[in-house]
Amino acid sequence: VGAGMKPPKFLKIGDTVSLGIEGLGSQSQTVVALEG
């Protein structure tokens, strides 16, 4: 996780996150500004 890195790393607008678990599929998100 980002909080455990040295130095910590956190998400910002425009970042993409992709993740998955074997046999359960995968997903992907993009960080967007709340407004609009």
Full PDB file with SEQRES, HELIX, SHEET, SSBOND, CRYST1, ORIGX, SCALE, CONECT and MASTER records, all heavy atoms in Angstrom:
SEQRES   1 A   36  VAL GLY ALA GLY MET LYS PRO PRO LYS PHE LEU LYS ILE          
SEQRES   2 A   36  GLY ASP THR VAL SER LEU GLY ILE GLU GLY LEU GLY SER          
SEQRES   3 A   36  GLN SER GLN THR VAL VAL ALA LEU GLU GLY                      
HELIX    1 AA1 GLY A    2  GLY A    4  5                                   3    
SHEET    1 AA1 2 THR A  16  ILE A  21  0                                        
SHEET    2 AA1 2 GLY A  25  THR A  30 -1                                        
CRYST1    1.000    1.000    1.000  90.00  90.00  90.00 P 1           1          
ORIGX1      1.000000  0.000000  0.000000        0.00000                         
ORIGX2      0.000000  1.000000  0.000000        0.00000                         
ORIGX3      0.000000  0.000000  1.000000        0.00000                         
SCALE1      1.000000  0.000000  0.000000        0.00000                         
SCALE2      0.000000  1.000000  0.000000        0.00000                         
SCALE3      0.000000  0.000000  1.000000        0.00000                         
ATOM      1  N   VAL A   1       0.848  -1.194   0.000  1.00  0.00           N  
ATOM      2  CA  VAL A   1       0.000   0.000   0.000  1.00  0.00           C  
ATOM      3  C   VAL A   1       0.882   1.241   0.000  1.00  0.00           C  
ATOM      4  O   VAL A   1       2.040   1.207   0.435  1.00  0.00           O  
ATOM      5  CB  VAL A   1      -0.965   0.004   1.204  1.00  0.00           C  
ATOM      6  CG1 VAL A   1      -1.893  -1.189   1.134  1.00  0.00           C  
ATOM      7  CG2 VAL A   1      -0.215   0.031   2.528  1.00  0.00           C  
ATOM      8  N   GLY A   2       0.309   2.347  -0.476  1.00  0.00           N  
ATOM      9  CA  GLY A   2       1.086   3.578  -0.593  1.00  0.00           C  
ATOM     10  C   GLY A   2       1.614   4.087   0.729  1.00  0.00           C  
ATOM     11  O   GLY A   2       2.741   4.594   0.817  1.00  0.00           O  
ATOM     12  N   ALA A   3       0.801   3.936   1.780  1.00  0.00           N  
ATOM     13  CA  ALA A   3       1.205   4.430   3.091  1.00  0.00           C  
ATOM     14  C   ALA A   3       2.402   3.686   3.648  1.00  0.00           C  
ATOM     15  O   ALA A   3       3.120   4.211   4.512  1.00  0.00           O  
ATOM     16  CB  ALA A   3       0.034   4.332   4.069  1.00  0.00           C  
ATOM     17  N   GLY A   4       2.651   2.466   3.159  1.00  0.00           N  
ATOM     18  CA  GLY A   4       3.756   1.667   3.667  1.00  0.00           C  
ATOM     19  C   GLY A   4       5.060   1.877   2.929  1.00  0.00           C  
ATOM     20  O   GLY A   4       6.089   1.305   3.320  1.00  0.00           O  
ATOM     21  N   MET A   5       5.042   2.697   1.884  1.00  0.00           N  
ATOM     22  CA  MET A   5       6.251   2.921   1.098  1.00  0.00           C  
ATOM     23  C   MET A   5       7.134   3.972   1.764  1.00  0.00           C  
ATOM     24  O   MET A   5       6.692   4.779   2.570  1.00  0.00           O  
ATOM     25  CB  MET A   5       5.876   3.335  -0.325  1.00  0.00           C  
ATOM     26  CG  MET A   5       5.149   2.240  -1.067  1.00  0.00           C  
ATOM     27  SD  MET A   5       4.791   2.689  -2.778  1.00  0.00           S  
ATOM     28  CE  MET A   5       4.099   1.145  -3.366  1.00  0.00           C  
ATOM     29  N   LYS A   6       8.396   3.960   1.388  1.00  0.00           N  
ATOM     30  CA  LYS A   6       9.351   4.922   1.936  1.00  0.00           C  
ATOM     31  C   LYS A   6      10.012   5.656   0.772  1.00  0.00           C  
ATOM     32  O   LYS A   6      10.863   5.072   0.093  1.00  0.00           O  
ATOM     33  CB  LYS A   6      10.393   4.211   2.794  1.00  0.00           C  
ATOM     34  CG  LYS A   6       9.817   3.500   4.017  1.00  0.00           C  
ATOM     35  CD  LYS A   6      10.875   2.850   4.840  1.00  0.00           C  
ATOM     36  CE  LYS A   6      10.404   2.191   6.109  1.00  0.00           C  
ATOM     37  NZ  LYS A   6       9.026   1.875   6.287  1.00  0.00           N  
ATOM     38  N   PRO A   7       9.658   6.929   0.516  1.00  0.00           N  
ATOM     39  CA  PRO A   7       8.605   7.681   1.206  1.00  0.00           C  
ATOM     40  C   PRO A   7       7.223   7.208   0.757  1.00  0.00           C  
ATOM     41  O   PRO A   7       7.104   6.538  -0.276  1.00  0.00           O  
ATOM     42  CB  PRO A   7       8.857   9.119   0.755  1.00  0.00           C  
ATOM     43  CG  PRO A   7       9.446   8.970  -0.609  1.00  0.00           C  
ATOM     44  CD  PRO A   7      10.295   7.726  -0.548  1.00  0.00           C  
ATOM     45  N   PRO A   8       6.165   7.567   1.514  1.00  0.00           N  
ATOM     46  CA  PRO A   8       4.811   7.167   1.127  1.00  0.00           C  
ATOM     47  C   PRO A   8       4.448   7.683  -0.265  1.00  0.00           C  
ATOM     48  O   PRO A   8       4.923   8.735  -0.702  1.00  0.00           O  
ATOM     49  CB  PRO A   8       3.927   7.808   2.207  1.00  0.00           C  
ATOM     50  CG  PRO A   8       4.834   7.994   3.371  1.00  0.00           C  
ATOM     51  CD  PRO A   8       6.180   8.311   2.783  1.00  0.00           C  
ATOM     52  N   LYS A   9       3.579   6.928  -0.944  1.00  0.00           N  
ATOM     53  CA  LYS A   9       3.117   7.291  -2.285  1.00  0.00           C  
ATOM     54  C   LYS A   9       1.600   7.248  -2.288  1.00  0.00           C  
ATOM     55  O   LYS A   9       1.016   6.258  -1.832  1.00  0.00           O  
ATOM     56  CB  LYS A   9       3.682   6.311  -3.323  1.00  0.00           C  
ATOM     57  CG  LYS A   9       3.256   6.577  -4.755  1.00  0.00           C  
ATOM     58  CD  LYS A   9       3.836   5.509  -5.671  1.00  0.00           C  
ATOM     59  CE  LYS A   9       3.359   5.682  -7.112  1.00  0.00           C  
ATOM     60  NZ  LYS A   9       3.860   6.918  -7.730  1.00  0.00           N  
ATOM     61  N   PHE A  10       0.974   8.304  -2.789  1.00  0.00           N  
ATOM     62  CA  PHE A  10      -0.484   8.347  -2.786  1.00  0.00           C  
ATOM     63  C   PHE A  10      -1.005   8.703  -4.178  1.00  0.00           C  
ATOM     64  O   PHE A  10      -0.274   9.209  -5.040  1.00  0.00           O  
ATOM     65  CB  PHE A  10      -0.981   9.348  -1.743  1.00  0.00           C  
ATOM     66  CG  PHE A  10      -0.602   8.972  -0.334  1.00  0.00           C  
ATOM     67  CD1 PHE A  10       0.340   9.716   0.369  1.00  0.00           C  
ATOM     68  CD2 PHE A  10      -1.155   7.858   0.275  1.00  0.00           C  
ATOM     69  CE1 PHE A  10       0.714   9.359   1.656  1.00  0.00           C  
ATOM     70  CE2 PHE A  10      -0.793   7.488   1.567  1.00  0.00           C  
ATOM     71  CZ  PHE A  10       0.151   8.244   2.256  1.00  0.00           C  
ATOM     72  N   LEU A  11      -2.295   8.423  -4.390  1.00  0.00           N  
ATOM     73  CA  LEU A  11      -2.914   8.637  -5.689  1.00  0.00           C  
ATOM     74  C   LEU A  11      -3.215  10.107  -5.934  1.00  0.00           C  
ATOM     75  O   LEU A  11      -3.510  10.855  -5.004  1.00  0.00           O  
ATOM     76  CB  LEU A  11      -4.209   7.822  -5.789  1.00  0.00           C  
ATOM     77  CG  LEU A  11      -4.045   6.308  -5.745  1.00  0.00           C  
ATOM     78  CD1 LEU A  11      -5.409   5.633  -5.610  1.00  0.00           C  
ATOM     79  CD2 LEU A  11      -3.312   5.804  -6.980  1.00  0.00           C  
ATOM     80  N   LYS A  12      -3.190  10.480  -7.221  1.00  0.00           N  
ATOM     81  CA  LYS A  12      -3.531  11.835  -7.636  1.00  0.00           C  
ATOM     82  C   LYS A  12      -4.418  11.761  -8.874  1.00  0.00           C  
ATOM     83  O   LYS A  12      -4.545  10.699  -9.507  1.00  0.00           O  
ATOM     84  CB  LYS A  12      -2.262  12.647  -7.923  1.00  0.00           C  
ATOM     85  CG  LYS A  12      -1.395  12.082  -9.020  1.00  0.00           C  
ATOM     86  CD  LYS A  12      -0.092  12.855  -9.150  1.00  0.00           C  
ATOM     87  CE  LYS A  12       0.747  12.343 -10.325  1.00  0.00           C  
ATOM     88  NZ  LYS A  12       1.079  10.912 -10.242  1.00  0.00           N  
ATOM     89  N   ILE A  13      -5.035  12.870  -9.213  1.00  0.00           N  
ATOM     90  CA  ILE A  13      -5.926  12.911 -10.372  1.00  0.00           C  
ATOM     91  C   ILE A  13      -5.171  12.474 -11.626  1.00  0.00           C  
ATOM     92  O   ILE A  13      -4.041  12.913 -11.882  1.00  0.00           O  
ATOM     93  CB  ILE A  13      -6.512  14.324 -10.542  1.00  0.00           C  
ATOM     94  CG1 ILE A  13      -7.455  14.640  -9.371  1.00  0.00           C  
ATOM     95  CG2 ILE A  13      -7.257  14.458 -11.866  1.00  0.00           C  
ATOM     96  CD1 ILE A  13      -7.912  16.077  -9.331  1.00  0.00           C  
ATOM     97  N   GLY A  14      -5.799  11.599 -12.396  1.00  0.00           N  
ATOM     98  CA  GLY A  14      -5.207  11.082 -13.623  1.00  0.00           C  
ATOM     99  C   GLY A  14      -4.542   9.732 -13.470  1.00  0.00           C  
ATOM    100  O   GLY A  14      -4.275   9.051 -14.476  1.00  0.00           O  
ATOM    101  N   ASP A  15      -4.263   9.299 -12.237  1.00  0.00           N  
ATOM    102  CA  ASP A  15      -3.652   7.986 -12.017  1.00  0.00           C  
ATOM    103  C   ASP A  15      -4.637   6.873 -12.376  1.00  0.00           C  
ATOM    104  O   ASP A  15      -5.855   7.024 -12.232  1.00  0.00           O  
ATOM    105  CB  ASP A  15      -3.237   7.819 -10.558  1.00  0.00           C  
ATOM    106  CG  ASP A  15      -1.984   8.603 -10.195  1.00  0.00           C  
ATOM    107  OD1 ASP A  15      -1.291   9.081 -11.122  1.00  0.00           O  
ATOM    108  OD2 ASP A  15      -1.698   8.742  -8.991  1.00  0.00           O  
ATOM    109  N   THR A  16      -4.101   5.746 -12.811  1.00  0.00           N  
ATOM    110  CA  THR A  16      -4.916   4.567 -13.074  1.00  0.00           C  
ATOM    111  C   THR A  16      -4.497   3.449 -12.129  1.00  0.00           C  
ATOM    112  O   THR A  16      -3.312   3.264 -11.834  1.00  0.00           O  
ATOM    113  CB  THR A  16      -4.780   4.082 -14.524  1.00  0.00           C  
ATOM    114  OG1 THR A  16      -3.410   3.759 -14.795  1.00  0.00           O  
ATOM    115  CG2 THR A  16      -5.250   5.146 -15.496  1.00  0.00           C  
ATOM    116  N   VAL A  17      -5.481   2.718 -11.633  1.00  0.00           N  
ATOM    117  CA  VAL A  17      -5.251   1.599 -10.721  1.00  0.00           C  
ATOM    118  C   VAL A  17      -5.861   0.358 -11.358  1.00  0.00           C  
ATOM    119  O   VAL A  17      -7.032   0.368 -11.750  1.00  0.00           O  
ATOM    120  CB  VAL A  17      -5.896   1.856  -9.340  1.00  0.00           C  
ATOM    121  CG1 VAL A  17      -5.597   0.706  -8.388  1.00  0.00           C  
ATOM    122  CG2 VAL A  17      -5.413   3.178  -8.750  1.00  0.00           C  
ATOM    123  N   SER A  18      -5.063  -0.700 -11.479  1.00  0.00           N  
ATOM    124  CA  SER A  18      -5.548  -1.970 -12.004  1.00  0.00           C  
ATOM    125  C   SER A  18      -5.222  -3.051 -10.983  1.00  0.00           C  
ATOM    126  O   SER A  18      -4.147  -3.037 -10.383  1.00  0.00           O  
ATOM    127  CB  SER A  18      -4.879  -2.312 -13.342  1.00  0.00           C  
ATOM    128  OG  SER A  18      -5.128  -1.297 -14.301  1.00  0.00           O  
ATOM    129  N   LEU A  19      -6.152  -3.983 -10.791  1.00  0.00           N  
ATOM    130  CA  LEU A  19      -5.969  -4.998  -9.761  1.00  0.00           C  
ATOM    131  C   LEU A  19      -6.750  -6.250 -10.102  1.00  0.00           C  
ATOM    132  O   LEU A  19      -7.685  -6.209 -10.911  1.00  0.00           O  
ATOM    133  CB  LEU A  19      -6.402  -4.463  -8.393  1.00  0.00           C  
ATOM    134  CG  LEU A  19      -7.848  -3.964  -8.255  1.00  0.00           C  
ATOM    135  CD1 LEU A  19      -8.373  -4.227  -6.852  1.00  0.00           C  
ATOM    136  CD2 LEU A  19      -7.918  -2.460  -8.559  1.00  0.00           C  
ATOM    137  N   GLY A  20      -6.365  -7.359  -9.471  1.00  0.00           N  
ATOM    138  CA  GLY A  20      -7.086  -8.590  -9.720  1.00  0.00           C  
ATOM    139  C   GLY A  20      -6.674  -9.688  -8.769  1.00  0.00           C  
ATOM    140  O   GLY A  20      -5.670  -9.589  -8.060  1.00  0.00           O  
ATOM    141  N   ILE A  21      -7.485 -10.745  -8.760  1.00  0.00           N  
ATOM    142  CA  ILE A  21      -7.224 -11.948  -7.978  1.00  0.00           C  
ATOM    143  C   ILE A  21      -7.455 -13.132  -8.906  1.00  0.00           C  
ATOM    144  O   ILE A  21      -8.460 -13.177  -9.636  1.00  0.00           O  
ATOM    145  CB  ILE A  21      -8.144 -12.037  -6.746  1.00  0.00           C  
ATOM    146  CG1 ILE A  21      -7.941 -10.826  -5.828  1.00  0.00           C  
ATOM    147  CG2 ILE A  21      -7.893 -13.334  -5.987  1.00  0.00           C  
ATOM    148  CD1 ILE A  21      -8.873 -10.804  -4.623  1.00  0.00           C  
ATOM    149  N   GLU A  22      -6.537 -14.096  -8.872  1.00  0.00           N  
ATOM    150  CA  GLU A  22      -6.632 -15.246  -9.775  1.00  0.00           C  
ATOM    151  C   GLU A  22      -7.963 -15.974  -9.605  1.00  0.00           C  
ATOM    152  O   GLU A  22      -8.367 -16.306  -8.491  1.00  0.00           O  
ATOM    153  CB  GLU A  22      -5.480 -16.207  -9.508  1.00  0.00           C  
ATOM    154  CG  GLU A  22      -5.417 -17.362 -10.498  1.00  0.00           C  
ATOM    155  CD  GLU A  22      -4.176 -18.215 -10.308  1.00  0.00           C  
ATOM    156  OE1 GLU A  22      -3.072 -17.694 -10.579  1.00  0.00           O  
ATOM    157  OE2 GLU A  22      -4.310 -19.371  -9.875  1.00  0.00           O  
ATOM    158  N   GLY A  23      -8.659 -16.159 -10.717  1.00  0.00           N  
ATOM    159  CA  GLY A  23      -9.933 -16.849 -10.712  1.00  0.00           C  
ATOM    160  C   GLY A  23     -11.137 -15.973 -10.440  1.00  0.00           C  
ATOM    161  O   GLY A  23     -12.273 -16.398 -10.647  1.00  0.00           O  
ATOM    162  N   LEU A  24     -10.885 -14.744  -9.963  1.00  0.00           N  
ATOM    163  CA  LEU A  24     -11.985 -13.836  -9.620  1.00  0.00           C  
ATOM    164  C   LEU A  24     -12.078 -12.639 -10.560  1.00  0.00           C  
ATOM    165  O   LEU A  24     -13.000 -11.831 -10.422  1.00  0.00           O  
ATOM    166  CB  LEU A  24     -11.835 -13.335  -8.180  1.00  0.00           C  
ATOM    167  CG  LEU A  24     -11.727 -14.406  -7.090  1.00  0.00           C  
ATOM    168  CD1 LEU A  24     -11.660 -13.747  -5.720  1.00  0.00           C  
ATOM    169  CD2 LEU A  24     -12.900 -15.377  -7.152  1.00  0.00           C  
ATOM    170  N   GLY A  25     -11.141 -12.519 -11.508  1.00  0.00           N  
ATOM    171  CA  GLY A  25     -11.194 -11.433 -12.464  1.00  0.00           C  
ATOM    172  C   GLY A  25     -10.384 -10.224 -12.046  1.00  0.00           C  
ATOM    173  O   GLY A  25      -9.656 -10.242 -11.047  1.00  0.00           O  
ATOM    174  N   SER A  26     -10.509  -9.155 -12.837  1.00  0.00           N  
ATOM    175  CA  SER A  26      -9.731  -7.947 -12.595  1.00  0.00           C  
ATOM    176  C   SER A  26     -10.601  -6.715 -12.810  1.00  0.00           C  
ATOM    177  O   SER A  26     -11.687  -6.791 -13.386  1.00  0.00           O  
ATOM    178  CB  SER A  26      -8.510  -7.896 -13.518  1.00  0.00           C  
ATOM    179  OG  SER A  26      -8.908  -7.890 -14.886  1.00  0.00           O  
ATOM    180  N   GLN A  27     -10.108  -5.602 -12.325  1.00  0.00           N  
ATOM    181  CA  GLN A  27     -10.813  -4.329 -12.457  1.00  0.00           C  
ATOM    182  C   GLN A  27      -9.811  -3.207 -12.657  1.00  0.00           C  
ATOM    183  O   GLN A  27      -8.608  -3.377 -12.423  1.00  0.00           O  
ATOM    184  CB  GLN A  27     -11.689  -4.067 -11.231  1.00  0.00           C  
ATOM    185  CG  GLN A  27     -10.978  -4.187  -9.901  1.00  0.00           C  
ATOM    186  CD  GLN A  27     -11.853  -3.906  -8.690  1.00  0.00           C  
ATOM    187  OE1 GLN A  27     -11.622  -2.941  -7.980  1.00  0.00           O  
ATOM    188  NE2 GLN A  27     -12.851  -4.761  -8.432  1.00  0.00           N  
ATOM    189  N   SER A  28     -10.298  -2.039 -13.105  1.00  0.00           N  
ATOM    190  CA  SER A  28      -9.417  -0.905 -13.347  1.00  0.00           C  
ATOM    191  C   SER A  28     -10.175   0.390 -13.118  1.00  0.00           C  
ATOM    192  O   SER A  28     -11.349   0.497 -13.506  1.00  0.00           O  
ATOM    193  CB  SER A  28      -8.871  -0.939 -14.778  1.00  0.00           C  
ATOM    194  OG  SER A  28      -7.975   0.125 -15.017  1.00  0.00           O  
ATOM    195  N   GLN A  29      -9.508   1.353 -12.468  1.00  0.00           N  
ATOM    196  CA  GLN A  29     -10.128   2.648 -12.207  1.00  0.00           C  
ATOM    197  C   GLN A  29      -9.172   3.790 -12.559  1.00  0.00           C  
ATOM    198  O   GLN A  29      -7.947   3.616 -12.546  1.00  0.00           O  
ATOM    199  CB  GLN A  29     -10.520   2.786 -10.728  1.00  0.00           C  
ATOM    200  CG  GLN A  29     -11.448   1.720 -10.195  1.00  0.00           C  
ATOM    201  CD  GLN A  29     -10.732   0.620  -9.457  1.00  0.00           C  
ATOM    202  OE1 GLN A  29      -9.695   0.838  -8.836  1.00  0.00           O  
ATOM    203  NE2 GLN A  29     -11.278  -0.595  -9.492  1.00  0.00           N  
ATOM    204  N   THR A  30      -9.754   4.944 -12.826  1.00  0.00           N  
ATOM    205  CA  THR A  30      -8.986   6.176 -13.018  1.00  0.00           C  
ATOM    206  C   THR A  30      -9.414   7.185 -11.967  1.00  0.00           C  
ATOM    207  O   THR A  30     -10.603   7.308 -11.673  1.00  0.00           O  
ATOM    208  CB  THR A  30      -9.223   6.758 -14.425  1.00  0.00           C  
ATOM    209  OG1 THR A  30      -8.818   5.795 -15.409  1.00  0.00           O  
ATOM    210  CG2 THR A  30      -8.422   8.039 -14.628  1.00  0.00           C  
ATOM    211  N   VAL A  31      -8.432   7.883 -11.400  1.00  0.00           N  
ATOM    212  CA  VAL A  31      -8.729   8.907 -10.402  1.00  0.00           C  
ATOM    213  C   VAL A  31      -9.176  10.170 -11.120  1.00  0.00           C  
ATOM    214  O   VAL A  31      -8.472  10.686 -11.990  1.00  0.00           O  
ATOM    215  CB  VAL A  31      -7.500   9.201  -9.519  1.00  0.00           C  
ATOM    216  CG1 VAL A  31      -7.845  10.220  -8.435  1.00  0.00           C  
ATOM    217  CG2 VAL A  31      -6.962   7.919  -8.892  1.00  0.00           C  
ATOM    218  N   VAL A  32     -10.368  10.678 -10.754  1.00  0.00           N  
ATOM    219  CA  VAL A  32     -10.915  11.870 -11.398  1.00  0.00           C  
ATOM    220  C   VAL A  32     -11.321  12.881 -10.331  1.00  0.00           C  
ATOM    221  O   VAL A  32     -11.600  12.532  -9.188  1.00  0.00           O  
ATOM    222  CB  VAL A  32     -12.132  11.533 -12.288  1.00  0.00           C  
ATOM    223  CG1 VAL A  32     -11.768  10.515 -13.355  1.00  0.00           C  
ATOM    224  CG2 VAL A  32     -13.301  11.023 -11.452  1.00  0.00           C  
ATOM    225  N   ALA A  33     -11.341  14.146 -10.733  1.00  0.00           N  
ATOM    226  CA  ALA A  33     -11.778  15.193  -9.817  1.00  0.00           C  
ATOM    227  C   ALA A  33     -13.246  14.995  -9.475  1.00  0.00           C  
ATOM    228  O   ALA A  33     -14.059  14.637 -10.333  1.00  0.00           O  
ATOM    229  CB  ALA A  33     -11.568  16.567 -10.438  1.00  0.00           C  
ATOM    230  N   LEU A  34     -13.590  15.216  -8.224  1.00  0.00           N  
ATOM    231  CA  LEU A  34     -14.963  15.010  -7.776  1.00  0.00           C  
ATOM    232  C   LEU A  34     -15.954  15.873  -8.562  1.00  0.00           C  
ATOM    233  O   LEU A  34     -16.987  15.397  -9.009  1.00  0.00           O  
ATOM    234  CB  LEU A  34     -15.070  15.336  -6.281  1.00  0.00           C  
ATOM    235  CG  LEU A  34     -16.463  15.310  -5.664  1.00  0.00           C  
ATOM    236  CD1 LEU A  34     -17.057  13.905  -5.757  1.00  0.00           C  
ATOM    237  CD2 LEU A  34     -16.407  15.769  -4.200  1.00  0.00           C  
ATOM    238  N   GLU A  35     -15.640  17.125  -8.754  1.00  0.00           N  
ATOM    239  CA  GLU A  35     -16.567  18.046  -9.419  1.00  0.00           C  
ATOM    240  C   GLU A  35     -16.770  17.630 -10.874  1.00  0.00           C  
ATOM    241  O   GLU A  35     -15.816  17.468 -11.647  1.00  0.00           O  
ATOM    242  CB  GLU A  35     -16.035  19.469  -9.361  1.00  0.00           C  
ATOM    243  CG  GLU A  35     -17.006  20.496  -9.919  1.00  0.00           C  
ATOM    244  CD  GLU A  35     -16.497  21.936  -9.768  1.00  0.00           C  
ATOM    245  OE1 GLU A  35     -15.448  22.120  -9.131  1.00  0.00           O  
ATOM    246  OE2 GLU A  35     -17.161  22.853 -10.280  1.00  0.00           O  
ATOM    247  N   GLY A  36     -18.015  17.427 -11.256  1.00  0.00           N  
ATOM    248  CA  GLY A  36     -18.352  17.117 -12.640  1.00  0.00           C  
ATOM    249  C   GLY A  36     -18.103  15.678 -13.036  1.00  0.00           C  
ATOM    250  O   GLY A  36     -18.258  15.317 -14.195  1.00  0.00           O  
TER     251      GLY A  36                                                      
MASTER        0    0    0    1    2    0    0    6  250    1    0    3          
END                                                                             
